Protein backbone atom coordinates (compact mmCIF):
# COMPACT_ATOMS: atom_id res chain seq x y z
CA UNK A 1 -4.57 -11.65 20.53
CA UNK A 2 -6.69 -9.20 22.54
CA UNK A 3 -4.84 -6.92 24.98
CA UNK A 4 -5.83 -4.02 27.20
CA UNK A 5 -3.78 -1.67 25.05
CA UNK A 6 -3.77 -2.03 21.25
CA UNK A 7 -0.37 -1.49 19.67
CA UNK A 8 1.25 -1.08 16.28
CA UNK A 9 2.57 -4.54 15.47
CA UNK A 10 3.65 -4.07 11.84
CA UNK A 11 4.62 -1.18 9.57
CA UNK A 12 4.74 -1.70 5.80
CA UNK A 13 5.59 0.37 2.76
CA UNK A 14 5.22 -0.55 -0.91
CA UNK A 15 7.74 1.68 -2.67
CA UNK A 16 6.70 0.62 -6.18
CA UNK A 17 2.93 0.38 -6.50
CA UNK A 18 1.78 -3.26 -6.83
CA UNK A 19 5.25 -4.75 -6.27
CA UNK A 20 6.39 -6.40 -3.05
CA UNK A 21 6.16 -4.70 0.33
CA UNK A 22 8.93 -3.80 2.77
CA UNK A 23 8.42 -4.27 6.51
CA UNK A 24 9.92 -1.55 8.69
CA UNK A 25 10.66 -1.22 12.38
CA UNK A 26 10.68 2.59 12.21
CA UNK A 27 8.97 4.81 9.66
CA UNK A 28 8.86 8.49 8.79
CA UNK A 29 5.30 9.82 8.54
CA UNK A 30 4.88 12.45 5.83
CA UNK A 31 1.90 14.30 4.40
CA UNK A 32 1.59 11.99 1.38
CA UNK A 33 1.98 8.87 3.50
CA UNK A 34 4.92 6.94 4.88
CA UNK A 35 8.29 7.83 3.42
CA UNK A 36 8.95 5.72 0.29
CA UNK A 37 5.39 4.37 0.17
CA UNK A 38 4.05 4.13 -3.39
CA UNK A 39 6.36 6.86 -4.70
CA UNK A 40 7.23 4.84 -7.83
CA UNK A 41 4.87 3.53 -10.48
CA UNK A 42 5.09 1.14 -13.41
CA UNK A 43 3.37 2.41 -16.55
CA UNK A 44 2.82 1.08 -20.07
CA UNK A 45 3.76 2.73 -23.34
CA UNK A 46 0.76 5.06 -23.05
CA UNK A 47 1.72 6.18 -19.56
CA UNK A 48 -1.13 4.26 -17.90
CA UNK A 49 -0.38 2.55 -14.61
CA UNK A 50 -0.13 -1.21 -14.14
CA UNK A 51 -1.30 -3.06 -11.04
CA UNK A 52 -1.79 -6.62 -9.86
CA UNK A 53 -5.47 -6.35 -10.77
CA UNK A 54 -4.58 -7.07 -14.39
CA UNK A 55 -1.01 -8.29 -13.90
CA UNK A 56 -0.86 -10.60 -10.86
CA UNK A 57 2.70 -11.58 -11.75
CA UNK A 58 3.78 -8.22 -10.32
CA UNK A 59 3.44 -9.84 -6.87
CA UNK A 60 6.58 -11.88 -7.63
CA UNK A 61 8.87 -8.85 -7.82
CA UNK A 62 10.41 -8.05 -4.45
CA UNK A 63 11.65 -4.64 -3.36
CA UNK A 64 14.36 -3.77 -0.84
CA UNK A 65 15.30 -0.29 0.35
CA UNK A 66 19.02 0.41 0.37
CA UNK A 67 20.87 3.52 1.46
CA UNK A 68 20.61 5.27 -1.90
CA UNK A 69 18.45 2.99 -4.06
CA UNK A 70 15.68 0.46 -4.33
CA UNK A 71 16.70 -3.07 -5.26
CA UNK A 72 14.21 -4.95 -7.44
CA UNK A 73 14.51 -8.72 -7.74
CA UNK A 74 12.31 -11.49 -9.10
CA UNK A 75 11.44 -14.35 -6.79
CA UNK A 76 12.23 -16.82 -9.54
CA UNK A 77 15.82 -15.56 -9.87
CA UNK A 78 16.79 -13.29 -6.94
CA UNK A 79 20.38 -12.93 -8.14
CA UNK A 80 19.20 -11.11 -11.26
CA UNK A 81 18.36 -7.72 -9.75
CA UNK A 82 18.28 -4.08 -10.76
CA UNK A 83 18.58 -0.84 -8.79
CA UNK A 84 16.42 2.27 -8.89
CA UNK A 85 17.87 5.49 -7.42
CA UNK A 86 16.03 6.92 -4.41
CA UNK A 87 16.90 10.42 -5.52
CA UNK A 88 18.58 11.81 -8.59
CA UNK A 89 18.57 14.77 -10.90
CA UNK A 90 15.90 13.40 -13.18
CA UNK A 91 16.28 14.85 -16.64
CA UNK A 92 12.90 14.03 -18.12
CA UNK A 93 9.42 14.74 -16.78
CA UNK A 94 6.48 12.74 -18.06
CA UNK A 95 2.76 12.70 -17.36
CA UNK A 96 1.24 9.41 -16.25
CA UNK A 97 -2.34 8.27 -15.73
CA UNK A 98 -3.50 6.62 -12.52
CA UNK A 99 -7.23 6.09 -12.42
CA UNK A 100 -8.68 9.43 -13.57
CA UNK A 101 -5.68 11.49 -12.50
CA UNK A 102 -3.00 12.81 -14.82
CA UNK A 103 0.08 13.10 -12.62
CA UNK A 104 3.53 14.60 -13.24
CA UNK A 105 6.30 12.07 -12.76
CA UNK A 106 9.93 11.61 -13.70
CA UNK A 107 11.76 8.98 -15.69
CA UNK A 108 14.06 7.02 -13.42
CA UNK A 109 16.23 4.36 -15.03
CA UNK A 110 16.46 2.91 -18.53
CA UNK A 111 18.09 -0.20 -17.07
CA UNK A 112 15.16 -0.68 -14.69
CA UNK A 113 12.70 -0.10 -17.55
CA UNK A 114 14.35 -2.86 -19.57
CA UNK A 115 14.54 -5.23 -16.58
CA UNK A 116 10.87 -4.75 -15.73
CA UNK A 117 9.82 -5.08 -19.37
CA UNK A 118 11.66 -8.40 -19.56
CA UNK A 119 10.11 -9.79 -16.38
CA UNK A 120 6.59 -8.52 -17.06
CA UNK A 121 6.80 -9.48 -20.75
CA UNK A 122 5.49 -6.15 -21.98
CA UNK A 123 7.02 -2.74 -22.65
CA UNK A 124 6.89 -0.73 -19.43
CA UNK A 125 8.65 2.10 -17.64
CA UNK A 126 9.17 2.91 -13.99
CA UNK A 127 8.59 6.52 -12.95
CA UNK A 128 8.93 8.47 -9.71
CA UNK A 129 6.29 10.80 -8.34
CA UNK A 130 7.18 14.43 -8.98
CA UNK A 131 7.65 16.47 -5.81
CA UNK A 132 5.21 19.09 -7.09
CA UNK A 133 2.48 16.60 -8.01
CA UNK A 134 -0.84 17.90 -6.65
CA UNK A 135 -2.64 14.57 -6.44
CA UNK A 136 -5.19 14.49 -3.61
CA UNK A 137 -7.53 12.21 -1.70
CA UNK A 138 -11.20 12.04 -2.71
CA UNK A 139 -13.65 14.80 -1.90
CA UNK A 140 -15.50 13.57 1.19
CA UNK A 141 -17.86 15.88 3.05
CA UNK A 142 -16.19 17.41 6.08
CA UNK A 143 -12.71 16.18 5.17
CA UNK A 144 -9.82 18.12 3.71
CA UNK A 145 -8.43 16.71 0.47
CA UNK A 146 -4.93 15.51 1.39
CA UNK A 147 -1.88 15.19 -0.81
CA UNK A 148 -1.30 11.56 -1.72
CA UNK A 149 1.27 9.49 -3.57
CA UNK A 150 0.45 6.79 -6.13
CA UNK A 151 -1.77 5.13 -3.51
CA UNK A 152 -5.31 4.54 -4.73
CA UNK A 153 -7.10 7.12 -2.58
CA UNK A 154 -5.60 7.91 0.84
CA UNK A 155 -2.17 8.39 2.45
CA UNK A 156 -2.40 5.40 4.83
CA UNK A 157 -4.17 2.06 5.15
CA UNK A 158 -4.79 0.34 8.50
CA UNK A 159 -5.80 -3.23 9.29
CA UNK A 160 -6.18 -5.30 12.44
CA UNK A 161 -4.66 -8.67 13.27
CA UNK A 162 -7.80 -9.79 15.09
CA UNK A 163 -9.99 -8.83 12.13
CA UNK A 164 -7.82 -11.02 9.91
CA UNK A 165 -8.13 -13.78 12.50
CA UNK A 166 -11.92 -13.52 12.35
CA UNK A 167 -11.80 -13.71 8.56
CA UNK A 168 -9.43 -16.69 8.63
CA UNK A 169 -11.74 -18.54 11.03
CA UNK A 170 -14.31 -18.53 8.22
CA UNK A 171 -11.98 -19.52 5.37
CA UNK A 172 -11.17 -23.04 4.19
CA UNK A 173 -7.49 -21.99 4.19
CA UNK A 174 -6.10 -18.95 6.03
CA UNK A 175 -4.58 -16.01 4.16
CA UNK A 176 -1.81 -13.67 5.20
CA UNK A 177 -2.14 -9.97 5.93
CA UNK A 178 -0.08 -9.27 2.81
CA UNK A 179 -3.23 -9.89 0.74
CA UNK A 180 -4.49 -6.52 2.01
CA UNK A 181 -1.24 -4.51 1.65
CA UNK A 182 -1.67 -2.33 4.77
CA UNK A 183 0.69 0.31 6.10
CA UNK A 184 -0.32 -0.17 9.74
CA UNK A 185 -1.25 -3.47 11.39
CA UNK A 186 -2.83 -3.11 14.82
CA UNK A 187 -2.75 -5.90 17.41
CA UNK A 188 -4.76 -6.07 20.62
CA UNK A 189 -8.18 -4.82 19.53
CA UNK A 190 -11.34 -6.87 19.15
CA UNK A 191 -12.24 -7.96 15.60
CA UNK A 192 -13.35 -5.03 13.46
CA UNK A 193 -13.13 -2.56 16.35
CA UNK A 194 -11.40 -0.28 13.83
CA UNK A 195 -14.79 0.22 12.17
CA UNK A 196 -15.81 2.34 15.15
CA UNK A 197 -12.64 4.40 15.57
CA UNK A 198 -12.61 7.99 14.36
CA UNK A 199 -9.17 9.17 15.52
CA UNK A 200 -6.17 7.42 17.03
CA UNK A 201 -2.78 8.43 18.38
CA UNK A 202 0.40 6.51 17.57
CA UNK A 203 3.48 7.88 19.31
CA UNK A 204 2.75 11.63 19.35
CA UNK A 205 0.97 11.66 15.99
CA UNK A 206 -2.78 11.74 15.43
CA UNK A 207 -4.42 9.86 12.56
CA UNK A 208 -8.02 10.08 11.38
CA UNK A 209 -9.89 7.03 10.10
CA UNK A 210 -11.87 8.35 7.16
CA UNK A 211 -13.70 5.39 5.66
CA UNK A 212 -13.65 1.60 5.36
CA UNK A 213 -11.42 0.28 2.59
CA UNK A 214 -13.34 -1.18 -0.35
CA UNK A 215 -11.64 -4.37 -1.44
CA UNK A 216 -10.99 -5.44 -5.01
CA UNK A 217 -9.69 -8.57 -6.73
CA UNK A 218 -6.10 -7.91 -5.61
CA UNK A 219 -6.89 -9.63 -2.30
CA UNK A 220 -7.53 -12.86 -4.23
CA UNK A 221 -3.91 -12.94 -5.47
CA UNK A 222 -1.55 -15.17 -3.52
CA UNK A 223 1.39 -12.85 -2.86
CA UNK A 224 3.82 -15.78 -2.72
CA UNK A 225 2.83 -17.40 -6.02
CA UNK A 226 1.15 -14.62 -8.02
CA UNK A 227 -1.86 -16.86 -8.65
CA UNK A 228 -5.48 -15.71 -8.42
CA UNK A 229 -8.20 -17.55 -6.54
CA UNK A 230 -11.68 -16.83 -5.23
CA UNK A 231 -10.81 -16.20 -1.59
CA UNK A 232 -10.88 -14.27 0.63
CA UNK A 233 -13.17 -11.98 -1.38
CA UNK A 234 -15.91 -14.59 -1.64
CA UNK A 235 -16.08 -15.12 2.12
CA UNK A 236 -15.70 -11.42 2.90
CA UNK A 237 -18.69 -10.74 0.69
CA UNK A 238 -20.86 -12.86 3.01
CA UNK A 239 -20.25 -10.85 6.18
CA UNK A 240 -18.41 -7.64 5.24
CA UNK A 241 -20.59 -6.31 2.43
CA UNK A 242 -22.22 -2.91 2.58
CA UNK A 243 -24.42 -2.20 -0.42
CA UNK A 244 -22.19 -3.18 -3.35
CA UNK A 245 -18.87 -2.78 -1.50
CA UNK A 246 -16.82 -5.43 0.31
CA UNK A 247 -14.97 -3.87 3.24
CA UNK A 248 -11.80 -4.71 5.16
CA UNK A 249 -9.46 -2.22 6.85
CA UNK A 250 -9.62 1.55 7.08
CA UNK A 251 -8.49 4.48 4.96
CA UNK A 252 -6.50 6.91 7.07
CA UNK A 253 -5.09 10.43 6.97
CA UNK A 254 -2.54 12.01 9.30
CA UNK A 255 -2.34 15.36 11.04
CA UNK A 256 1.42 15.84 11.11
CA UNK A 257 4.88 14.51 10.35
CA UNK A 258 7.08 12.45 12.63
CA UNK A 259 8.39 9.02 13.52
CA UNK A 260 6.45 5.89 14.45
CA UNK A 261 7.87 2.57 15.59
CA UNK A 262 6.74 -1.02 15.77
CA UNK A 263 5.42 -1.61 19.28
CA UNK A 264 4.05 1.91 19.73
CA UNK A 265 0.83 2.03 21.74
CA UNK A 266 -2.33 2.93 19.84
CA UNK A 267 -4.57 5.28 21.79
CA UNK A 268 -8.19 5.48 20.67
CA UNK A 269 -9.07 9.18 20.86
CA UNK A 270 -12.67 8.79 19.71
């Protein structure tokens, strides 16, 4: 759908990296990203992070945000769930590895560790990002290095409904936006117009679009079944490749804290 005024049609957070997303009507924008977004991480016995890249079955674990906890449930047996506290006096700090970064984190819940280990069929722990973790976005010329959570590189990720529509028009079977795990979905722009945007305003907050998002094999995982395929990466590679990178969506940073809501107008500043 193309409209005269693009707007924010969906807001998503992924509290536990690589587990299910949570759609929000209203979200708190913070320096590290949206509140609750990728603030928890699943790690192995060596403290190294797990993602759907190597463990596609992680897509089958859903997350809900409650008043004082996260609720984790497996799609195969939703009644068998476990809670993770949103905040607590964590007694044990650990160091975990995400990509090349060694990051301070805190042990959360032995019960959740056991539950996740059972469902992922390997010994794992869930940890929360330490408030004093100084993990930052990549060093890009002309851009300040921003505090980030357990996200791969940047505080926010933006996609466009019309860009997905253009992709789906080329696919043998359409895919959902959840393949790309965005925070912001924009409706009303022309396909891939976001490639040309430098700064936008949502509500009274300004966001800067830093770089296109380089896609990996996670987009080939069906988020409903946890099964890998070839698409949409194969088709994207035919018309969204730049050098050795396959691009879809934009990496984004913010200039302040505040509230955004589904339906907010998106003003293109430049």
